[in-house]
PDB file of N, CA and C in Angstrom:
ATOM      1  N   MET A   1       0.132  16.400  -0.295  1.00  0.00           N
ATOM      2  CA  MET A   1      -1.308  17.109  -1.579  1.00  0.00           C
ATOM      3  C   MET A   1      -0.915  16.336  -2.377  1.00  0.00           C
ATOM      4  N   LEU A   2       0.057  15.911  -3.569  1.00  0.00           N
ATOM      5  CA  LEU A   2      -0.804  14.748  -4.155  1.00  0.00           C
ATOM      6  C   LEU A   2      -2.347  14.051  -4.049  1.00  0.00           C
ATOM      7  N   GLN A   3      -2.658  13.491  -2.954  1.00  0.00           N
ATOM      8  CA  GLN A   3      -3.976  12.964  -2.737  1.00  0.00           C
ATOM      9  C   GLN A   3      -4.893  14.110  -3.304  1.00  0.00           C
ATOM     10  N   ARG A   4      -4.226  15.375  -2.132  1.00  0.00           N
ATOM     11  CA  ARG A   4      -5.833  16.119  -2.597  1.00  0.00           C
ATOM     12  C   ARG A   4      -5.697  16.870  -3.754  1.00  0.00           C
ATOM     13  N   VAL A   5      -5.160  16.912  -4.743  1.00  0.00           N
ATOM     14  CA  VAL A   5      -5.018  17.778  -5.950  1.00  0.00           C
ATOM     15  C   VAL A   5      -5.471  16.282  -6.858  1.00  0.00           C
ATOM     16  N   ALA A   6      -5.453  14.964  -7.037  1.00  0.00           N
ATOM     17  CA  ALA A   6      -5.138  14.302  -8.229  1.00  0.00           C
ATOM     18  C   ALA A   6      -5.879  12.780  -6.951  1.00  0.00           C
ATOM     19  N   PRO A   7      -7.027  12.219  -6.588  1.00  0.00           N
ATOM     20  CA  PRO A   7      -7.159  11.904  -5.728  1.00  0.00           C
ATOM     21  C   PRO A   7      -7.096  10.490  -6.367  1.00  0.00           C
ATOM     22  N   GLU A   8      -8.079  10.562  -7.736  1.00  0.00           N
ATOM     23  CA  GLU A   8      -7.948   9.102  -8.514  1.00  0.00           C
ATOM     24  C   GLU A   8      -6.946   8.828  -8.966  1.00  0.00           C
ATOM     25  N   ARG A   9      -5.651   9.480  -8.772  1.00  0.00           N
ATOM     26  CA  ARG A   9      -4.195   9.031  -9.645  1.00  0.00           C
ATOM     27  C   ARG A   9      -2.875   8.604  -8.305  1.00  0.00           C
ATOM     28  N   ASP A  10      -2.138   7.494  -8.671  1.00  0.00           N
ATOM     29  CA  ASP A  10      -0.879   7.453  -8.226  1.00  0.00           C
ATOM     30  C   ASP A  10       0.252   8.253  -7.698  1.00  0.00           C
ATOM     31  N   LEU A  11      -0.179   9.704  -7.747  1.00  0.00           N
ATOM     32  CA  LEU A  11       1.147  10.506  -8.013  1.00  0.00           C
ATOM     33  C   LEU A  11       1.942  10.077  -7.383  1.00  0.00           C
ATOM     34  N   ALA A  12       3.426  10.288  -7.605  1.00  0.00           N
ATOM     35  CA  ALA A  12       5.100  10.260  -7.689  1.00  0.00           C
ATOM     36  C   ALA A  12       5.291  11.658  -7.342  1.00  0.00           C
ATOM     37  N   LEU A  13       6.771  12.109  -6.761  1.00  0.00           N
ATOM     38  CA  LEU A  13       7.333  13.701  -6.900  1.00  0.00           C
ATOM     39  C   LEU A  13       8.760  12.591  -7.022  1.00  0.00           C
ATOM     40  N   SER A  14       9.711  12.828  -8.224  1.00  0.00           N
ATOM     41  CA  SER A  14      10.519  12.086  -8.618  1.00  0.00           C
ATOM     42  C   SER A  14      11.439  12.809  -7.949  1.00  0.00           C
ATOM     43  N   PRO A  15      12.795  12.433  -7.083  1.00  0.00           N
ATOM     44  CA  PRO A  15      13.841  13.031  -6.765  1.00  0.00           C
ATOM     45  C   PRO A  15      14.236  14.013  -7.131  1.00  0.00           C
ATOM     46  N   ALA A  16      14.427  14.525  -8.316  1.00  0.00           N
ATOM     47  CA  ALA A  16      14.850  15.856  -8.502  1.00  0.00           C
ATOM     48  C   ALA A  16      13.928  16.761  -8.376  1.00  0.00           C
ATOM     49  N   ALA A  17      12.369  16.509  -8.880  1.00  0.00           N
ATOM     50  CA  ALA A  17      11.840  17.634  -8.774  1.00  0.00           C
ATOM     51  C   ALA A  17      11.595  17.652  -6.807  1.00  0.00           C
ATOM     52  N   LEU A  18      11.380  16.251  -6.518  1.00  0.00           N
ATOM     53  CA  LEU A  18      11.348  17.073  -4.541  1.00  0.00           C
ATOM     54  C   LEU A  18      12.355  18.163  -4.703  1.00  0.00           C
ATOM     55  N   ALA A  19      13.379  18.055  -5.332  1.00  0.00           N
ATOM     56  CA  ALA A  19      14.502  18.569  -4.350  1.00  0.00           C
ATOM     57  C   ALA A  19      14.799  19.609  -5.345  1.00  0.00           C
ATOM     58  N   GLN A  20      13.783  20.025  -6.435  1.00  0.00           N
ATOM     59  CA  GLN A  20      13.801  21.354  -7.249  1.00  0.00           C
ATOM     60  C   GLN A  20      12.831  21.976  -5.898  1.00  0.00           C
ATOM     61  N   LEU A  21      12.265  21.594  -5.618  1.00  0.00           N
ATOM     62  CA  LEU A  21      10.397  22.171  -4.892  1.00  0.00           C
ATOM     63  C   LEU A  21      10.967  21.949  -3.103  1.00  0.00           C
ATOM     64  N   MET A  22      12.716  21.416  -3.136  1.00  0.00           N
ATOM     65  CA  MET A  22      12.440  22.121  -1.559  1.00  0.00           C
ATOM     66  C   MET A  22      13.806  23.286  -1.541  1.00  0.00           C
ATOM     67  N   ASN A  23      13.901  23.342  -3.119  1.00  0.00           N
ATOM     68  CA  ASN A  23      15.041  24.675  -3.284  1.00  0.00           C
ATOM     69  C   ASN A  23      14.336  25.590  -3.275  1.00  0.00           C
ATOM     70  N   TYR A  24      12.694  26.188  -3.789  1.00  0.00           N
ATOM     71  CA  TYR A  24      12.248  26.927  -4.481  1.00  0.00           C
ATOM     72  C   TYR A  24      12.142  28.237  -2.990  1.00  0.00           C
ATOM     73  N   ASP A  25      11.919  28.935  -2.625  1.00  0.00           N
ATOM     74  CA  ASP A  25      11.794  29.956  -2.051  1.00  0.00           C
ATOM     75  C   ASP A  25      10.291  30.162  -1.670  1.00  0.00           C
ATOM     76  N   PHE A  26       9.548  30.039  -2.668  1.00  0.00           N
ATOM     77  CA  PHE A  26       8.053  29.888  -2.192  1.00  0.00           C
ATOM     78  C   PHE A  26       8.361  31.301  -1.746  1.00  0.00           C
ATOM     79  N   PRO A  27       7.853  32.747  -2.400  1.00  0.00           N
ATOM     80  CA  PRO A  27       7.929  33.642  -1.674  1.00  0.00           C
ATOM     81  C   PRO A  27       5.668  34.568  -1.702  1.00  0.00           C
ATOM     82  N   GLY A  28       5.038  33.022  -2.433  1.00  0.00           N
ATOM     83  CA  GLY A  28       4.123  32.772  -2.283  1.00  0.00           C
ATOM     84  C   GLY A  28       3.329  32.491  -0.598  1.00  0.00           C
ATOM     85  N   ASN A  29       2.515  31.173  -0.416  1.00  0.00           N
ATOM     86  CA  ASN A  29       2.344  30.576   0.550  1.00  0.00           C
ATOM     87  C   ASN A  29       2.484  29.203  -0.063  1.00  0.00           C
ATOM     88  N   ILE A  30       1.761  28.398   0.661  1.00  0.00           N
ATOM     89  CA  ILE A  30       1.147  27.226   0.534  1.00  0.00           C
ATOM     90  C   ILE A  30      -0.003  27.220  -0.687  1.00  0.00           C
ATOM     91  N   ARG A  31      -1.262  28.439  -1.031  1.00  0.00           N
ATOM     92  CA  ARG A  31      -1.316  28.427  -2.637  1.00  0.00           C
ATOM     93  C   ARG A  31      -0.665  28.131  -3.508  1.00  0.00           C
ATOM     94  N   GLU A  32       0.561  28.541  -3.086  1.00  0.00           N
ATOM     95  CA  GLU A  32       1.923  28.580  -4.464  1.00  0.00           C
ATOM     96  C   GLU A  32       2.403  26.841  -5.032  1.00  0.00           C
ATOM     97  N   LEU A  33       2.411  26.477  -4.289  1.00  0.00           N
ATOM     98  CA  LEU A  33       2.597  24.748  -3.684  1.00  0.00           C
ATOM     99  C   LEU A  33       2.004  24.570  -4.370  1.00  0.00           C
ATOM    100  N   ARG A  34       0.540  23.874  -3.686  1.00  0.00           N
ATOM    101  CA  ARG A  34      -0.901  23.905  -3.851  1.00  0.00           C
ATOM    102  C   ARG A  34      -1.046  23.359  -5.784  1.00  0.00           C
ATOM    103  N   ASN A  35      -0.344  25.392  -6.204  1.00  0.00           N
ATOM    104  CA  ASN A  35      -1.510  25.916  -7.493  1.00  0.00           C
ATOM    105  C   ASN A  35      -0.006  24.688  -8.641  1.00  0.00           C
ATOM    106  N   ILE A  36       0.954  24.885  -8.115  1.00  0.00           N
ATOM    107  CA  ILE A  36       2.545  23.441  -8.649  1.00  0.00           C
ATOM    108  C   ILE A  36       2.443  22.615  -8.754  1.00  0.00           C
ATOM    109  N   ILE A  37       2.052  22.127  -7.609  1.00  0.00           N
ATOM    110  CA  ILE A  37       1.257  20.319  -7.796  1.00  0.00           C
ATOM    111  C   ILE A  37       0.471  19.986  -8.836  1.00  0.00           C
ATOM    112  N   GLU A  38      -0.804  20.597  -8.671  1.00  0.00           N
ATOM    113  CA  GLU A  38      -1.627  21.656  -9.273  1.00  0.00           C
ATOM    114  C   GLU A  38      -1.341  20.903 -10.361  1.00  0.00           C
ATOM    115  N   ARG A  39      -0.888  22.108 -10.816  1.00  0.00           N
ATOM    116  CA  ARG A  39      -0.348  22.356 -12.724  1.00  0.00           C
ATOM    117  C   ARG A  39       0.850  21.129 -13.232  1.00  0.00           C
ATOM    118  N   ALA A  40       1.620  20.653 -12.556  1.00  0.00           N
ATOM    119  CA  ALA A  40       2.735  19.687 -12.843  1.00  0.00           C
ATOM    120  C   ALA A  40       1.581  18.324 -13.317  1.00  0.00           C
ATOM    121  N   SER A  41       0.378  17.742 -11.808  1.00  0.00           N
ATOM    122  CA  SER A  41      -0.026  16.708 -11.977  1.00  0.00           C
ATOM    123  C   SER A  41      -0.724  16.914 -13.434  1.00  0.00           C
ATOM    124  N   LEU A  42      -1.528  17.816 -13.960  1.00  0.00           N
ATOM    125  CA  LEU A  42      -1.973  18.240 -15.516  1.00  0.00           C
ATOM    126  C   LEU A  42      -1.426  17.664 -16.153  1.00  0.00           C
ATOM    127  N   LEU A  43       0.272  18.024 -16.499  1.00  0.00           N
ATOM    128  CA  LEU A  43       1.036  17.988 -17.239  1.00  0.00           C
ATOM    129  C   LEU A  43       1.418  16.762 -17.367  1.00  0.00           C
ATOM    130  N   ALA A  44       1.398  15.740 -16.295  1.00  0.00           N
ATOM    131  CA  ALA A  44       2.329  14.441 -15.861  1.00  0.00           C
ATOM    132  C   ALA A  44       1.194  13.190 -16.541  1.00  0.00           C
ATOM    133  N   ASP A  45       2.227  12.050 -17.680  1.00  0.00           N
ATOM    134  CA  ASP A  45       1.357  11.923 -18.408  1.00  0.00           C
ATOM    135  C   ASP A  45       1.077  10.011 -17.425  1.00  0.00           C
ATOM    136  N   GLY A  46       2.614  10.256 -16.380  1.00  0.00           N
ATOM    137  CA  GLY A  46       1.983   8.860 -16.001  1.00  0.00           C
ATOM    138  C   GLY A  46       1.765   9.217 -14.673  1.00  0.00           C
ATOM    139  N   GLN A  47       2.505   8.335 -13.485  1.00  0.00           N
ATOM    140  CA  GLN A  47       2.465   8.866 -12.128  1.00  0.00           C
ATOM    141  C   GLN A  47       3.766   9.296 -11.864  1.00  0.00           C
ATOM    142  N   LEU A  48       4.669   9.756 -12.635  1.00  0.00           N
ATOM    143  CA  LEU A  48       5.451  10.287 -11.915  1.00  0.00           C
ATOM    144  C   LEU A  48       5.827  11.371 -12.217  1.00  0.00           C
ATOM    145  N   ILE A  49       5.546  12.871 -11.403  1.00  0.00           N
ATOM    146  CA  ILE A  49       5.515  13.952 -11.455  1.00  0.00           C
ATOM    147  C   ILE A  49       7.600  13.827 -11.722  1.00  0.00           C
ATOM    148  N   GLU A  50       8.542  15.297 -12.945  1.00  0.00           N
ATOM    149  CA  GLU A  50       9.664  15.566 -13.224  1.00  0.00           C
ATOM    150  C   GLU A  50       9.814  16.833 -13.062  1.00  0.00           C
ATOM    151  N   PRO A  51      10.390  17.679 -12.916  1.00  0.00           N
ATOM    152  CA  PRO A  51      10.964  18.546 -12.841  1.00  0.00           C
ATOM    153  C   PRO A  51      10.165  19.827 -13.943  1.00  0.00           C
ATOM    154  N   GLU A  52      10.299  18.612 -15.383  1.00  0.00           N
ATOM    155  CA  GLU A  52       9.619  19.537 -16.618  1.00  0.00           C
ATOM    156  C   GLU A  52       8.102  19.950 -16.137  1.00  0.00           C
ATOM    157  N   HIS A  53       6.963  19.217 -15.681  1.00  0.00           N
ATOM    158  CA  HIS A  53       6.280  19.516 -15.182  1.00  0.00           C
ATOM    159  C   HIS A  53       5.973  20.531 -15.150  1.00  0.00           C
ATOM    160  N   ARG A  54       6.860  21.331 -13.984  1.00  0.00           N
ATOM    161  CA  ARG A  54       6.144  21.949 -13.773  1.00  0.00           C
ATOM    162  C   ARG A  54       5.974  23.424 -13.773  1.00  0.00           C
ATOM    163  N   HIS A  55       6.093  23.186 -15.941  1.00  0.00           N
ATOM    164  CA  HIS A  55       6.086  24.235 -16.557  1.00  0.00           C
ATOM    165  C   HIS A  55       4.867  24.760 -17.051  1.00  0.00           C
TER     166      HIS A  55
END
């Protein structure tokens, strides 16, 4: 999904961000996950997405 959201960047999820996503209930669907990843990729300055980039 990171490749689809930001193909020009070599993004990765930090272990903490991955854990946060894995514990999230996702009341929506895969679109909600994509929106979260897309927003976090825009907020991340470097190549690593951290939990604080979700908001």
